[in-house]
Amino acid sequence: MVPALCLSSPRTTPSGIGKEDHTNSKLIRVFQGPLNNKYRFLIAKAAKGNRNTKPNSVICAECDGNGAVLCSQCKGSGVNSVDIFDGQFKAGDSCWLCGGRKEMLCGNCNGAGFVGGFLSTHDQ
């Protein structure tokens, strides 16, 4: 659901800020000073149950907006499963790639969680 924005000018409404509940959506009115006895108000609707909703078109598909992905070497366990590089990194030790953190910075969005920003490598 896309947040909605509606501006209108009712003729008989007191000045100030008001809040009303209309069938599971909040109506928030923000009034400006008198303009020929007309007031402006704002209707804002949040996405269903999730105030942190971002448009799907910019969320990174690789990390789902988290900015991090599971380590490709240890698969999120944080430890080496086998000896690596002629025994230089032993099985059971902290993962040689992520250092035991279990996650790596997403390479698709450079850790931003979205694509198309100034840190992005995509030209969208």
PDB file of N, CA and C in Angstrom:
ATOM      1  N   MET A   1       0.840  -1.168   0.000  1.00  0.00           N
ATOM      2  CA  MET A   1       0.000   0.000   0.000  1.00  0.00           C
ATOM      3  C   MET A   1       0.888   1.235   0.000  1.00  0.00           C
ATOM      4  N   VAL A   2       0.593   2.186  -0.835  1.00  0.00           N
ATOM      5  CA  VAL A   2       1.372   3.412  -0.963  1.00  0.00           C
ATOM      6  C   VAL A   2       0.779   4.467  -0.040  1.00  0.00           C
ATOM      7  N   PRO A   3       1.604   5.153   0.766  1.00  0.00           N
ATOM      8  CA  PRO A   3       1.072   6.223   1.607  1.00  0.00           C
ATOM      9  C   PRO A   3       0.385   7.280   0.748  1.00  0.00           C
ATOM     10  N   ALA A   4      -0.740   7.796   1.264  1.00  0.00           N
ATOM     11  CA  ALA A   4      -1.522   8.764   0.507  1.00  0.00           C
ATOM     12  C   ALA A   4      -1.359  10.149   1.103  1.00  0.00           C
ATOM     13  N   LEU A   5      -1.435  11.138   0.274  1.00  0.00           N
ATOM     14  CA  LEU A   5      -1.338  12.525   0.699  1.00  0.00           C
ATOM     15  C   LEU A   5      -2.460  13.288   0.028  1.00  0.00           C
ATOM     16  N   CYS A   6      -3.232  14.018   0.831  1.00  0.00           N
ATOM     17  CA  CYS A   6      -4.371  14.736   0.284  1.00  0.00           C
ATOM     18  C   CYS A   6      -4.427  16.117   0.910  1.00  0.00           C
ATOM     19  N   LEU A   7      -4.509  17.134   0.095  1.00  0.00           N
ATOM     20  CA  LEU A   7      -4.662  18.500   0.579  1.00  0.00           C
ATOM     21  C   LEU A   7      -6.017  19.014   0.140  1.00  0.00           C
ATOM     22  N   SER A   8      -6.738  19.655   1.064  1.00  0.00           N
ATOM     23  CA  SER A   8      -8.004  20.273   0.699  1.00  0.00           C
ATOM     24  C   SER A   8      -8.224  21.479   1.593  1.00  0.00           C
ATOM     25  N   SER A   9      -9.241  22.271   1.286  1.00  0.00           N
ATOM     26  CA  SER A   9      -9.511  23.499   2.028  1.00  0.00           C
ATOM     27  C   SER A   9     -10.955  23.513   2.508  1.00  0.00           C
ATOM     28  N   PRO A  10     -11.253  22.968   3.691  1.00  0.00           N
ATOM     29  CA  PRO A  10     -12.621  23.028   4.200  1.00  0.00           C
ATOM     30  C   PRO A  10     -12.944  24.458   4.658  1.00  0.00           C
ATOM     31  N   ARG A  11     -14.218  24.818   4.675  1.00  0.00           N
ATOM     32  CA  ARG A  11     -14.597  26.187   5.016  1.00  0.00           C
ATOM     33  C   ARG A  11     -14.867  26.362   6.508  1.00  0.00           C
ATOM     34  N   THR A  12     -15.302  25.336   7.199  1.00  0.00           N
ATOM     35  CA  THR A  12     -15.633  25.494   8.615  1.00  0.00           C
ATOM     36  C   THR A  12     -14.864  24.493   9.454  1.00  0.00           C
ATOM     37  N   THR A  13     -13.653  24.825   9.803  1.00  0.00           N
ATOM     38  CA  THR A  13     -12.815  23.984  10.643  1.00  0.00           C
ATOM     39  C   THR A  13     -11.988  24.900  11.533  1.00  0.00           C
ATOM     40  N   PRO A  14     -11.877  24.607  12.838  1.00  0.00           N
ATOM     41  CA  PRO A  14     -11.064  25.457  13.707  1.00  0.00           C
ATOM     42  C   PRO A  14      -9.590  25.326  13.371  1.00  0.00           C
ATOM     43  N   SER A  15      -8.837  26.394  13.673  1.00  0.00           N
ATOM     44  CA  SER A  15      -7.403  26.348  13.390  1.00  0.00           C
ATOM     45  C   SER A  15      -6.691  25.499  14.429  1.00  0.00           C
ATOM     46  N   GLY A  16      -5.507  24.997  14.089  1.00  0.00           N
ATOM     47  CA  GLY A  16      -4.725  24.164  14.995  1.00  0.00           C
ATOM     48  C   GLY A  16      -4.380  22.850  14.357  1.00  0.00           C
ATOM     49  N   ILE A  17      -4.023  21.891  15.188  1.00  0.00           N
ATOM     50  CA  ILE A  17      -3.677  20.559  14.709  1.00  0.00           C
ATOM     51  C   ILE A  17      -4.650  19.580  15.338  1.00  0.00           C
ATOM     52  N   GLY A  18      -5.239  18.725  14.538  1.00  0.00           N
ATOM     53  CA  GLY A  18      -6.186  17.756  15.055  1.00  0.00           C
ATOM     54  C   GLY A  18      -5.889  16.373  14.552  1.00  0.00           C
ATOM     55  N   LYS A  19      -6.427  15.369  15.246  1.00  0.00           N
ATOM     56  CA  LYS A  19      -6.191  13.989  14.854  1.00  0.00           C
ATOM     57  C   LYS A  19      -7.495  13.232  15.055  1.00  0.00           C
ATOM     58  N   GLU A  20      -7.931  12.489  14.067  1.00  0.00           N
ATOM     59  CA  GLU A  20      -9.153  11.715  14.159  1.00  0.00           C
ATOM     60  C   GLU A  20      -8.896  10.305  13.660  1.00  0.00           C
ATOM     61  N   ASP A  21      -9.743   9.364  14.096  1.00  0.00           N
ATOM     62  CA  ASP A  21      -9.612   7.981  13.651  1.00  0.00           C
ATOM     63  C   ASP A  21     -10.787   7.650  12.743  1.00  0.00           C
ATOM     64  N   HIS A  22     -10.525   7.297  11.508  1.00  0.00           N
ATOM     65  CA  HIS A  22     -11.561   6.936  10.543  1.00  0.00           C
ATOM     66  C   HIS A  22     -11.274   5.550   9.996  1.00  0.00           C
ATOM     67  N   THR A  23     -12.007   4.565  10.440  1.00  0.00           N
ATOM     68  CA  THR A  23     -11.925   3.190   9.935  1.00  0.00           C
ATOM     69  C   THR A  23     -10.496   2.710   9.719  1.00  0.00           C
ATOM     70  N   ASN A  24      -9.772   2.535  10.789  1.00  0.00           N
ATOM     71  CA  ASN A  24      -8.414   1.976  10.798  1.00  0.00           C
ATOM     72  C   ASN A  24      -7.370   2.854  10.126  1.00  0.00           C
ATOM     73  N   SER A  25      -7.692   4.069   9.788  1.00  0.00           N
ATOM     74  CA  SER A  25      -6.676   4.977   9.263  1.00  0.00           C
ATOM     75  C   SER A  25      -6.725   6.250  10.088  1.00  0.00           C
ATOM     76  N   LYS A  26      -5.601   6.858  10.273  1.00  0.00           N
ATOM     77  CA  LYS A  26      -5.522   8.080  11.065  1.00  0.00           C
ATOM     78  C   LYS A  26      -5.642   9.284  10.143  1.00  0.00           C
ATOM     79  N   LEU A  27      -6.438  10.242  10.552  1.00  0.00           N
ATOM     80  CA  LEU A  27      -6.563  11.491   9.821  1.00  0.00           C
ATOM     81  C   LEU A  27      -5.855  12.544  10.644  1.00  0.00           C
ATOM     82  N   ILE A  28      -4.833  13.131  10.100  1.00  0.00           N
ATOM     83  CA  ILE A  28      -4.058  14.145  10.803  1.00  0.00           C
ATOM     84  C   ILE A  28      -4.257  15.460  10.076  1.00  0.00           C
ATOM     85  N   ARG A  29      -4.736  16.453  10.792  1.00  0.00           N
ATOM     86  CA  ARG A  29      -4.977  17.752  10.177  1.00  0.00           C
ATOM     87  C   ARG A  29      -3.930  18.743  10.664  1.00  0.00           C
ATOM     88  N   VAL A  30      -3.296  19.405   9.756  1.00  0.00           N
ATOM     89  CA  VAL A  30      -2.318  20.440  10.067  1.00  0.00           C
ATOM     90  C   VAL A  30      -2.812  21.710   9.396  1.00  0.00           C
ATOM     91  N   PHE A  31      -3.102  22.720  10.209  1.00  0.00           N
ATOM     92  CA  PHE A  31      -3.704  23.934   9.672  1.00  0.00           C
ATOM     93  C   PHE A  31      -2.686  25.050   9.573  1.00  0.00           C
ATOM     94  N   GLN A  32      -2.842  25.810   8.545  1.00  0.00           N
ATOM     95  CA  GLN A  32      -2.046  27.010   8.343  1.00  0.00           C
ATOM     96  C   GLN A  32      -2.889  28.189   8.820  1.00  0.00           C
ATOM     97  N   GLY A  33      -2.303  29.362   8.953  1.00  0.00           N
ATOM     98  CA  GLY A  33      -3.049  30.547   9.384  1.00  0.00           C
ATOM     99  C   GLY A  33      -4.225  30.837   8.470  1.00  0.00           C
ATOM    100  N   PRO A  34      -5.145  31.712   8.900  1.00  0.00           N
ATOM    101  CA  PRO A  34      -6.337  32.012   8.101  1.00  0.00           C
ATOM    102  C   PRO A  34      -5.984  32.587   6.729  1.00  0.00           C
ATOM    103  N   LEU A  35      -6.579  32.018   5.720  1.00  0.00           N
ATOM    104  CA  LEU A  35      -6.446  32.517   4.353  1.00  0.00           C
ATOM    105  C   LEU A  35      -7.862  32.730   3.834  1.00  0.00           C
ATOM    106  N   ASN A  36      -8.389  33.923   4.027  1.00  0.00           N
ATOM    107  CA  ASN A  36      -9.765  34.236   3.630  1.00  0.00           C
ATOM    108  C   ASN A  36     -10.757  33.268   4.276  1.00  0.00           C
ATOM    109  N   ASN A  37     -10.571  33.000   5.565  1.00  0.00           N
ATOM    110  CA  ASN A  37     -11.423  32.101   6.344  1.00  0.00           C
ATOM    111  C   ASN A  37     -11.444  30.675   5.804  1.00  0.00           C
ATOM    112  N   LYS A  38     -10.401  30.273   5.133  1.00  0.00           N
ATOM    113  CA  LYS A  38     -10.273  28.896   4.664  1.00  0.00           C
ATOM    114  C   LYS A  38      -9.053  28.296   5.338  1.00  0.00           C
ATOM    115  N   TYR A  39      -9.093  27.034   5.610  1.00  0.00           N
ATOM    116  CA  TYR A  39      -7.980  26.352   6.252  1.00  0.00           C
ATOM    117  C   TYR A  39      -7.550  25.184   5.390  1.00  0.00           C
ATOM    118  N   ARG A  40      -6.291  24.856   5.478  1.00  0.00           N
ATOM    119  CA  ARG A  40      -5.769  23.721   4.730  1.00  0.00           C
ATOM    120  C   ARG A  40      -5.500  22.590   5.706  1.00  0.00           C
ATOM    121  N   PHE A  41      -5.741  21.373   5.295  1.00  0.00           N
ATOM    122  CA  PHE A  41      -5.398  20.254   6.154  1.00  0.00           C
ATOM    123  C   PHE A  41      -4.754  19.147   5.344  1.00  0.00           C
ATOM    124  N   LEU A  42      -4.082  18.268   6.057  1.00  0.00           N
ATOM    125  CA  LEU A  42      -3.283  17.207   5.461  1.00  0.00           C
ATOM    126  C   LEU A  42      -3.828  15.875   5.922  1.00  0.00           C
ATOM    127  N   ILE A  43      -4.045  14.957   5.014  1.00  0.00           N
ATOM    128  CA  ILE A  43      -4.444  13.598   5.364  1.00  0.00           C
ATOM    129  C   ILE A  43      -3.267  12.695   5.044  1.00  0.00           C
ATOM    130  N   ALA A  44      -2.758  12.017   6.048  1.00  0.00           N
ATOM    131  CA  ALA A  44      -1.615  11.118   5.861  1.00  0.00           C
ATOM    132  C   ALA A  44      -2.026   9.722   6.286  1.00  0.00           C
ATOM    133  N   LYS A  45      -1.764   8.743   5.453  1.00  0.00           N
ATOM    134  CA  LYS A  45      -2.078   7.355   5.774  1.00  0.00           C
ATOM    135  C   LYS A  45      -0.798   6.552   5.754  1.00  0.00           C
ATOM    136  N   ALA A  46      -0.558   5.793   6.813  1.00  0.00           N
ATOM    137  CA  ALA A  46       0.619   4.922   6.873  1.00  0.00           C
ATOM    138  C   ALA A  46       0.287   3.608   6.181  1.00  0.00           C
ATOM    139  N   ALA A  47       1.319   2.898   5.776  1.00  0.00           N
ATOM    140  CA  ALA A  47       1.122   1.579   5.178  1.00  0.00           C
ATOM    141  C   ALA A  47       0.570   0.639   6.236  1.00  0.00           C
ATOM    142  N   LYS A  48      -0.144  -0.373   5.833  1.00  0.00           N
ATOM    143  CA  LYS A  48      -0.806  -1.284   6.753  1.00  0.00           C
ATOM    144  C   LYS A  48       0.142  -1.883   7.780  1.00  0.00           C
ATOM    145  N   GLY A  49       0.039  -1.427   9.010  1.00  0.00           N
ATOM    146  CA  GLY A  49       0.748  -2.021  10.133  1.00  0.00           C
ATOM    147  C   GLY A  49       2.255  -1.864  10.134  1.00  0.00           C
ATOM    148  N   ASN A  50       2.847  -1.281   9.114  1.00  0.00           N
ATOM    149  CA  ASN A  50       4.303  -1.173   9.072  1.00  0.00           C
ATOM    150  C   ASN A  50       4.680   0.257   8.731  1.00  0.00           C
ATOM    151  N   ARG A  51       5.186   0.979   9.714  1.00  0.00           N
ATOM    152  CA  ARG A  51       5.554   2.377   9.494  1.00  0.00           C
ATOM    153  C   ARG A  51       6.878   2.511   8.767  1.00  0.00           C
ATOM    154  N   ASN A  52       7.642   1.436   8.628  1.00  0.00           N
ATOM    155  CA  ASN A  52       8.954   1.491   7.994  1.00  0.00           C
ATOM    156  C   ASN A  52       8.927   1.020   6.548  1.00  0.00           C
ATOM    157  N   THR A  53       7.755   0.970   5.945  1.00  0.00           N
ATOM    158  CA  THR A  53       7.639   0.482   4.578  1.00  0.00           C
ATOM    159  C   THR A  53       8.368   1.406   3.613  1.00  0.00           C
ATOM    160  N   LYS A  54       9.188   0.829   2.768  1.00  0.00           N
ATOM    161  CA  LYS A  54       9.888   1.572   1.729  1.00  0.00           C
ATOM    162  C   LYS A  54       9.360   1.082   0.386  1.00  0.00           C
ATOM    163  N   PRO A  55       9.376   1.904  -0.623  1.00  0.00           N
ATOM    164  CA  PRO A  55       8.955   1.423  -1.942  1.00  0.00           C
ATOM    165  C   PRO A  55       9.844   0.267  -2.393  1.00  0.00           C
ATOM    166  N   ASN A  56       9.220  -0.791  -2.923  1.00  0.00           N
ATOM    167  CA  ASN A  56       9.978  -1.974  -3.331  1.00  0.00           C
ATOM    168  C   ASN A  56      10.943  -1.697  -4.467  1.00  0.00           C
ATOM    169  N   SER A  57      10.753  -0.634  -5.198  1.00  0.00           N
ATOM    170  CA  SER A  57      11.600  -0.371  -6.351  1.00  0.00           C
ATOM    171  C   SER A  57      13.019   0.004  -5.959  1.00  0.00           C
ATOM    172  N   VAL A  58      13.256   0.465  -4.726  1.00  0.00           N
ATOM    173  CA  VAL A  58      14.599   0.863  -4.339  1.00  0.00           C
ATOM    174  C   VAL A  58      15.234  -0.070  -3.318  1.00  0.00           C
ATOM    175  N   ILE A  59      14.475  -0.955  -2.710  1.00  0.00           N
ATOM    176  CA  ILE A  59      15.042  -1.881  -1.731  1.00  0.00           C
ATOM    177  C   ILE A  59      15.933  -2.883  -2.450  1.00  0.00           C
ATOM    178  N   CYS A  60      17.113  -3.110  -1.914  1.00  0.00           N
ATOM    179  CA  CYS A  60      18.054  -4.058  -2.511  1.00  0.00           C
ATOM    180  C   CYS A  60      17.477  -5.471  -2.454  1.00  0.00           C
ATOM    181  N   ALA A  61      17.454  -6.147  -3.580  1.00  0.00           N
ATOM    182  CA  ALA A  61      16.901  -7.495  -3.657  1.00  0.00           C
ATOM    183  C   ALA A  61      17.828  -8.532  -3.032  1.00  0.00           C
ATOM    184  N   GLU A  62      19.120  -8.266  -2.996  1.00  0.00           N
ATOM    185  CA  GLU A  62      20.079  -9.234  -2.459  1.00  0.00           C
ATOM    186  C   GLU A  62      19.995  -9.335  -0.937  1.00  0.00           C
ATOM    187  N   CYS A  63      19.855  -8.195  -0.246  1.00  0.00           N
ATOM    188  CA  CYS A  63      19.870  -8.191   1.224  1.00  0.00           C
ATOM    189  C   CYS A  63      18.517  -7.833   1.822  1.00  0.00           C
ATOM    190  N   ASP A  64      17.489  -7.641   1.010  1.00  0.00           N
ATOM    191  CA  ASP A  64      16.151  -7.246   1.455  1.00  0.00           C
ATOM    192  C   ASP A  64      16.162  -5.966   2.280  1.00  0.00           C
ATOM    193  N   GLY A  65      17.055  -5.042   1.954  1.00  0.00           N
ATOM    194  CA  GLY A  65      17.110  -3.763   2.643  1.00  0.00           C
ATOM    195  C   GLY A  65      17.904  -3.763   3.929  1.00  0.00           C
ATOM    196  N   ASN A  66      18.499  -4.892   4.275  1.00  0.00           N
ATOM    197  CA  ASN A  66      19.261  -5.008   5.522  1.00  0.00           C
ATOM    198  C   ASN A  66      20.663  -4.423   5.407  1.00  0.00           C
ATOM    199  N   GLY A  67      21.254  -4.465   4.219  1.00  0.00           N
ATOM    200  CA  GLY A  67      22.608  -3.966   4.022  1.00  0.00           C
ATOM    201  C   GLY A  67      23.682  -5.010   4.251  1.00  0.00           C
ATOM    202  N   ALA A  68      23.288  -6.176   4.725  1.00  0.00           N
ATOM    203  CA  ALA A  68      24.242  -7.258   4.979  1.00  0.00           C
ATOM    204  C   ALA A  68      23.671  -8.572   4.457  1.00  0.00           C
ATOM    205  N   VAL A  69      24.560  -9.464   4.054  1.00  0.00           N
ATOM    206  CA  VAL A  69      24.175 -10.799   3.595  1.00  0.00           C
ATOM    207  C   VAL A  69      24.975 -11.829   4.380  1.00  0.00           C
ATOM    208  N   LEU A  70      24.496 -13.065   4.411  1.00  0.00           N
ATOM    209  CA  LEU A  70      25.241 -14.127   5.091  1.00  0.00           C
ATOM    210  C   LEU A  70      26.604 -14.304   4.444  1.00  0.00           C
ATOM    211  N   CYS A  71      27.582 -14.603   5.253  1.00  0.00           N
ATOM    212  CA  CYS A  71      28.932 -14.835   4.746  1.00  0.00           C
ATOM    213  C   CYS A  71      28.904 -16.001   3.765  1.00  0.00           C
ATOM    214  N   SER A  72      29.507 -15.801   2.614  1.00  0.00           N
ATOM    215  CA  SER A  72      29.498 -16.834   1.579  1.00  0.00           C
ATOM    216  C   SER A  72      30.416 -18.001   1.926  1.00  0.00           C
ATOM    217  N   GLN A  73      31.366 -17.799   2.817  1.00  0.00           N
ATOM    218  CA  GLN A  73      32.300 -18.865   3.171  1.00  0.00           C
ATOM    219  C   GLN A  73      31.743 -19.775   4.270  1.00  0.00           C
ATOM    220  N   CYS A  74      31.315 -19.195   5.392  1.00  0.00           N
ATOM    221  CA  CYS A  74      30.850 -20.012   6.526  1.00  0.00           C
ATOM    222  C   CYS A  74      29.339 -20.218   6.512  1.00  0.00           C
ATOM    223  N   LYS A  75      28.636 -19.600   5.579  1.00  0.00           N
ATOM    224  CA  LYS A  75      27.174 -19.701   5.444  1.00  0.00           C
ATOM    225  C   LYS A  75      26.446 -19.264   6.715  1.00  0.00           C
ATOM    226  N   GLY A  76      27.013 -18.285   7.428  1.00  0.00           N
ATOM    227  CA  GLY A  76      26.358 -17.742   8.612  1.00  0.00           C
ATOM    228  C   GLY A  76      26.674 -18.445   9.913  1.00  0.00           C
ATOM    229  N   SER A  77      27.591 -19.414   9.902  1.00  0.00           N
ATOM    230  CA  SER A  77      27.930 -20.110  11.148  1.00  0.00           C
ATOM    231  C   SER A  77      28.994 -19.356  11.941  1.00  0.00           C
ATOM    232  N   GLY A  78      29.824 -18.574  11.267  1.00  0.00           N
ATOM    233  CA  GLY A  78      30.867 -17.812  11.940  1.00  0.00           C
ATOM    234  C   GLY A  78      32.171 -18.561  12.138  1.00  0.00           C
ATOM    235  N   VAL A  79      32.208 -19.841  11.747  1.00  0.00           N
ATOM    236  CA  VAL A  79      33.436 -20.640  11.908  1.00  0.00           C
ATOM    237  C   VAL A  79      33.771 -21.358  10.601  1.00  0.00           C
ATOM    238  N   ASN A  80      35.046 -21.671  10.430  1.00  0.00           N
ATOM    239  CA  ASN A  80      35.481 -22.444   9.266  1.00  0.00           C
ATOM    240  C   ASN A  80      35.010 -23.880   9.426  1.00  0.00           C
ATOM    241  N   SER A  81      34.448 -24.450   8.381  1.00  0.00           N
ATOM    242  CA  SER A  81      33.990 -25.839   8.457  1.00  0.00           C
ATOM    243  C   SER A  81      35.110 -26.819   8.117  1.00  0.00           C
ATOM    244  N   VAL A  82      36.100 -26.381   7.359  1.00  0.00           N
ATOM    245  CA  VAL A  82      37.244 -27.224   6.985  1.00  0.00           C
ATOM    246  C   VAL A  82      38.516 -26.383   7.036  1.00  0.00           C
ATOM    247  N   ASP A  83      39.664 -27.050   7.030  1.00  0.00           N
ATOM    248  CA  ASP A  83      40.937 -26.329   6.939  1.00  0.00           C
ATOM    249  C   ASP A  83      41.021 -25.646   5.575  1.00  0.00           C
ATOM    250  N   ILE A  84      41.508 -24.425   5.565  1.00  0.00           N
ATOM    251  CA  ILE A  84      41.563 -23.636   4.333  1.00  0.00           C
ATOM    252  C   ILE A  84      42.971 -23.098   4.144  1.00  0.00           C
ATOM    253  N   PHE A  85      43.393 -22.958   2.896  1.00  0.00           N
ATOM    254  CA  PHE A  85      44.694 -22.412   2.510  1.00  0.00           C
ATOM    255  C   PHE A  85      45.840 -23.178   3.174  1.00  0.00           C
ATOM    256  N   ASP A  86      45.902 -24.480   2.892  1.00  0.00           N
ATOM    257  CA  ASP A  86      46.961 -25.363   3.400  1.00  0.00           C
ATOM    258  C   ASP A  86      47.096 -25.304   4.916  1.00  0.00           C
ATOM    259  N   GLY A  87      45.963 -25.240   5.620  1.00  0.00           N
ATOM    260  CA  GLY A  87      45.985 -25.267   7.081  1.00  0.00           C
ATOM    261  C   GLY A  87      46.215 -23.926   7.745  1.00  0.00           C
ATOM    262  N   GLN A  88      46.326 -22.865   6.966  1.00  0.00           N
ATOM    263  CA  GLN A  88      46.528 -21.539   7.553  1.00  0.00           C
ATOM    264  C   GLN A  88      45.312 -21.124   8.392  1.00  0.00           C
ATOM    265  N   PHE A  89      44.115 -21.511   7.948  1.00  0.00           N
ATOM    266  CA  PHE A  89      42.888 -21.260   8.701  1.00  0.00           C
ATOM    267  C   PHE A  89      42.282 -22.620   9.028  1.00  0.00           C
ATOM    268  N   LYS A  90      42.209 -22.953  10.302  1.00  0.00           N
ATOM    269  CA  LYS A  90      41.785 -24.282  10.756  1.00  0.00           C
ATOM    270  C   LYS A  90      40.269 -24.379  10.896  1.00  0.00           C
ATOM    271  N   ALA A  91      39.760 -25.594  10.738  1.00  0.00           N
ATOM    272  CA  ALA A  91      38.349 -25.862  10.969  1.00  0.00           C
ATOM    273  C   ALA A  91      38.037 -25.585  12.439  1.00  0.00           C
ATOM    274  N   GLY A  92      36.913 -24.927  12.707  1.00  0.00           N
ATOM    275  CA  GLY A  92      36.510 -24.593  14.070  1.00  0.00           C
ATOM    276  C   GLY A  92      36.959 -23.213  14.517  1.00  0.00           C
ATOM    277  N   ASP A  93      37.944 -22.627  13.833  1.00  0.00           N
ATOM    278  CA  ASP A  93      38.369 -21.258  14.149  1.00  0.00           C
ATOM    279  C   ASP A  93      37.360 -20.270  13.559  1.00  0.00           C
ATOM    280  N   SER A  94      37.470 -19.017  13.961  1.00  0.00           N
ATOM    281  CA  SER A  94      36.610 -17.975  13.379  1.00  0.00           C
ATOM    282  C   SER A  94      36.795 -17.953  11.869  1.00  0.00           C
ATOM    283  N   CYS A  95      35.711 -17.709  11.170  1.00  0.00           N
ATOM    284  CA  CYS A  95      35.734 -17.688   9.708  1.00  0.00           C
ATOM    285  C   CYS A  95      36.785 -16.710   9.210  1.00  0.00           C
ATOM    286  N   TRP A  96      37.559 -17.153   8.235  1.00  0.00           N
ATOM    287  CA  TRP A  96      38.633 -16.323   7.699  1.00  0.00           C
ATOM    288  C   TRP A  96      38.108 -15.136   6.904  1.00  0.00           C
ATOM    289  N   LEU A  97      36.880 -15.229   6.375  1.00  0.00           N
ATOM    290  CA  LEU A  97      36.346 -14.170   5.529  1.00  0.00           C
ATOM    291  C   LEU A  97      35.587 -13.106   6.337  1.00  0.00           C
ATOM    292  N   CYS A  98      34.691 -13.524   7.212  1.00  0.00           N
ATOM    293  CA  CYS A  98      33.885 -12.559   7.972  1.00  0.00           C
ATOM    294  C   CYS A  98      34.423 -12.313   9.374  1.00  0.00           C
ATOM    295  N   GLY A  99      35.437 -13.066   9.784  1.00  0.00           N
ATOM    296  CA  GLY A  99      36.006 -12.879  11.115  1.00  0.00           C
ATOM    297  C   GLY A  99      35.082 -13.327  12.233  1.00  0.00           C
ATOM    298  N   GLY A 100      34.120 -14.185  11.930  1.00  0.00           N
ATOM    299  CA  GLY A 100      33.189 -14.683  12.938  1.00  0.00           C
ATOM    300  C   GLY A 100      31.926 -13.845  13.078  1.00  0.00           C
ATOM    301  N   ARG A 101      31.781 -12.800  12.297  1.00  0.00           N
ATOM    302  CA  ARG A 101      30.605 -11.922  12.386  1.00  0.00           C
ATOM    303  C   ARG A 101      29.365 -12.521  11.718  1.00  0.00           C
ATOM    304  N   LYS A 102      29.534 -13.548  10.938  1.00  0.00           N
ATOM    305  CA  LYS A 102      28.459 -14.295  10.273  1.00  0.00           C
ATOM    306  C   LYS A 102      27.827 -13.570   9.086  1.00  0.00           C
ATOM    307  N   GLU A 103      28.045 -12.276   8.957  1.00  0.00           N
ATOM    308  CA  GLU A 103      27.478 -11.507   7.853  1.00  0.00           C
ATOM    309  C   GLU A 103      28.564 -10.680   7.183  1.00  0.00           C
ATOM    310  N   MET A 104      28.295 -10.344   5.933  1.00  0.00           N
ATOM    311  CA  MET A 104      29.201  -9.509   5.147  1.00  0.00           C
ATOM    312  C   MET A 104      28.402  -8.326   4.605  1.00  0.00           C
ATOM    313  N   LEU A 105      29.089  -7.267   4.267  1.00  0.00           N
ATOM    314  CA  LEU A 105      28.465  -6.118   3.631  1.00  0.00           C
ATOM    315  C   LEU A 105      27.914  -6.557   2.278  1.00  0.00           C
ATOM    316  N   CYS A 106      26.693  -6.175   1.978  1.00  0.00           N
ATOM    317  CA  CYS A 106      26.084  -6.544   0.700  1.00  0.00           C
ATOM    318  C   CYS A 106      26.835  -5.860  -0.436  1.00  0.00           C
ATOM    319  N   GLY A 107      27.265  -6.634  -1.412  1.00  0.00           N
ATOM    320  CA  GLY A 107      27.994  -6.089  -2.548  1.00  0.00           C
ATOM    321  C   GLY A 107      27.105  -5.441  -3.588  1.00  0.00           C
ATOM    322  N   ASN A 108      25.808  -5.754  -3.554  1.00  0.00           N
ATOM    323  CA  ASN A 108      24.888  -5.189  -4.530  1.00  0.00           C
ATOM    324  C   ASN A 108      24.560  -3.725  -4.225  1.00  0.00           C
ATOM    325  N   CYS A 109      24.376  -3.399  -2.938  1.00  0.00           N
ATOM    326  CA  CYS A 109      24.005  -2.030  -2.548  1.00  0.00           C
ATOM    327  C   CYS A 109      25.090  -1.345  -1.724  1.00  0.00           C
ATOM    328  N   ASN A 110      26.235  -2.002  -1.565  1.00  0.00           N
ATOM    329  CA  ASN A 110      27.346  -1.480  -0.763  1.00  0.00           C
ATOM    330  C   ASN A 110      26.948  -1.191   0.679  1.00  0.00           C
ATOM    331  N   GLY A 111      26.018  -1.990   1.210  1.00  0.00           N
ATOM    332  CA  GLY A 111      25.608  -1.861   2.603  1.00  0.00           C
ATOM    333  C   GLY A 111      24.548  -0.818   2.866  1.00  0.00           C
ATOM    334  N   ALA A 112      24.077  -0.136   1.832  1.00  0.00           N
ATOM    335  CA  ALA A 112      23.083   0.923   2.022  1.00  0.00           C
ATOM    336  C   ALA A 112      21.680   0.364   2.244  1.00  0.00           C
ATOM    337  N   GLY A 113      21.379  -0.830   1.725  1.00  0.00           N
ATOM    338  CA  GLY A 113      20.047  -1.403   1.843  1.00  0.00           C
ATOM    339  C   GLY A 113      19.129  -1.039   0.692  1.00  0.00           C
ATOM    340  N   PHE A 114      19.557  -0.129  -0.155  1.00  0.00           N
ATOM    341  CA  PHE A 114      18.759   0.267  -1.309  1.00  0.00           C
ATOM    342  C   PHE A 114      19.686   0.511  -2.488  1.00  0.00           C
ATOM    343  N   VAL A 115      19.124   0.449  -3.675  1.00  0.00           N
ATOM    344  CA  VAL A 115      19.903   0.699  -4.884  1.00  0.00           C
ATOM    345  C   VAL A 115      19.448   2.015  -5.501  1.00  0.00           C
ATOM    346  N   GLY A 116      20.350   2.658  -6.216  1.00  0.00           N
ATOM    347  CA  GLY A 116      20.019   3.900  -6.888  1.00  0.00           C
ATOM    348  C   GLY A 116      20.444   5.144  -6.139  1.00  0.00           C
ATOM    349  N   GLY A 117      21.017   5.006  -4.936  1.00  0.00           N
ATOM    350  CA  GLY A 117      21.485   6.170  -4.191  1.00  0.00           C
ATOM    351  C   GLY A 117      22.861   6.591  -4.651  1.00  0.00           C
ATOM    352  N   PHE A 118      23.427   7.595  -4.010  1.00  0.00           N
ATOM    353  CA  PHE A 118      24.729   8.093  -4.447  1.00  0.00           C
ATOM    354  C   PHE A 118      25.855   7.109  -4.150  1.00  0.00           C
ATOM    355  N   LEU A 119      25.649   6.145  -3.239  1.00  0.00           N
ATOM    356  CA  LEU A 119      26.658   5.124  -2.970  1.00  0.00           C
ATOM    357  C   LEU A 119      26.494   3.903  -3.861  1.00  0.00           C
ATOM    358  N   SER A 120      25.421   3.858  -4.617  1.00  0.00           N
ATOM    359  CA  SER A 120      25.127   2.694  -5.432  1.00  0.00           C
ATOM    360  C   SER A 120      26.025   2.627  -6.658  1.00  0.00           C
ATOM    361  N   THR A 121      26.272   1.393  -7.099  1.00  0.00           N
ATOM    362  CA  THR A 121      27.040   1.186  -8.323  1.00  0.00           C
ATOM    363  C   THR A 121      26.118   1.047  -9.526  1.00  0.00           C
ATOM    364  N   HIS A 122      24.798   1.133  -9.289  1.00  0.00           N
ATOM    365  CA  HIS A 122      23.816   1.006 -10.365  1.00  0.00           C
ATOM    366  C   HIS A 122      23.460   2.378 -10.904  1.00  0.00           C
ATOM    367  N   ASP A 123      23.260   2.467 -12.204  1.00  0.00           N
ATOM    368  CA  ASP A 123      22.864   3.720 -12.846  1.00  0.00           C
ATOM    369  C   ASP A 123      21.380   3.684 -13.163  1.00  0.00           C
ATOM    370  N   GLN A 124      20.555   3.708 -12.146  1.00  0.00           N
ATOM    371  CA  GLN A 124      19.108   3.639 -12.354  1.00  0.00           C
ATOM    372  C   GLN A 124      18.494   5.007 -12.310  1.00  0.00           C
TER     373      GLN A 124
END
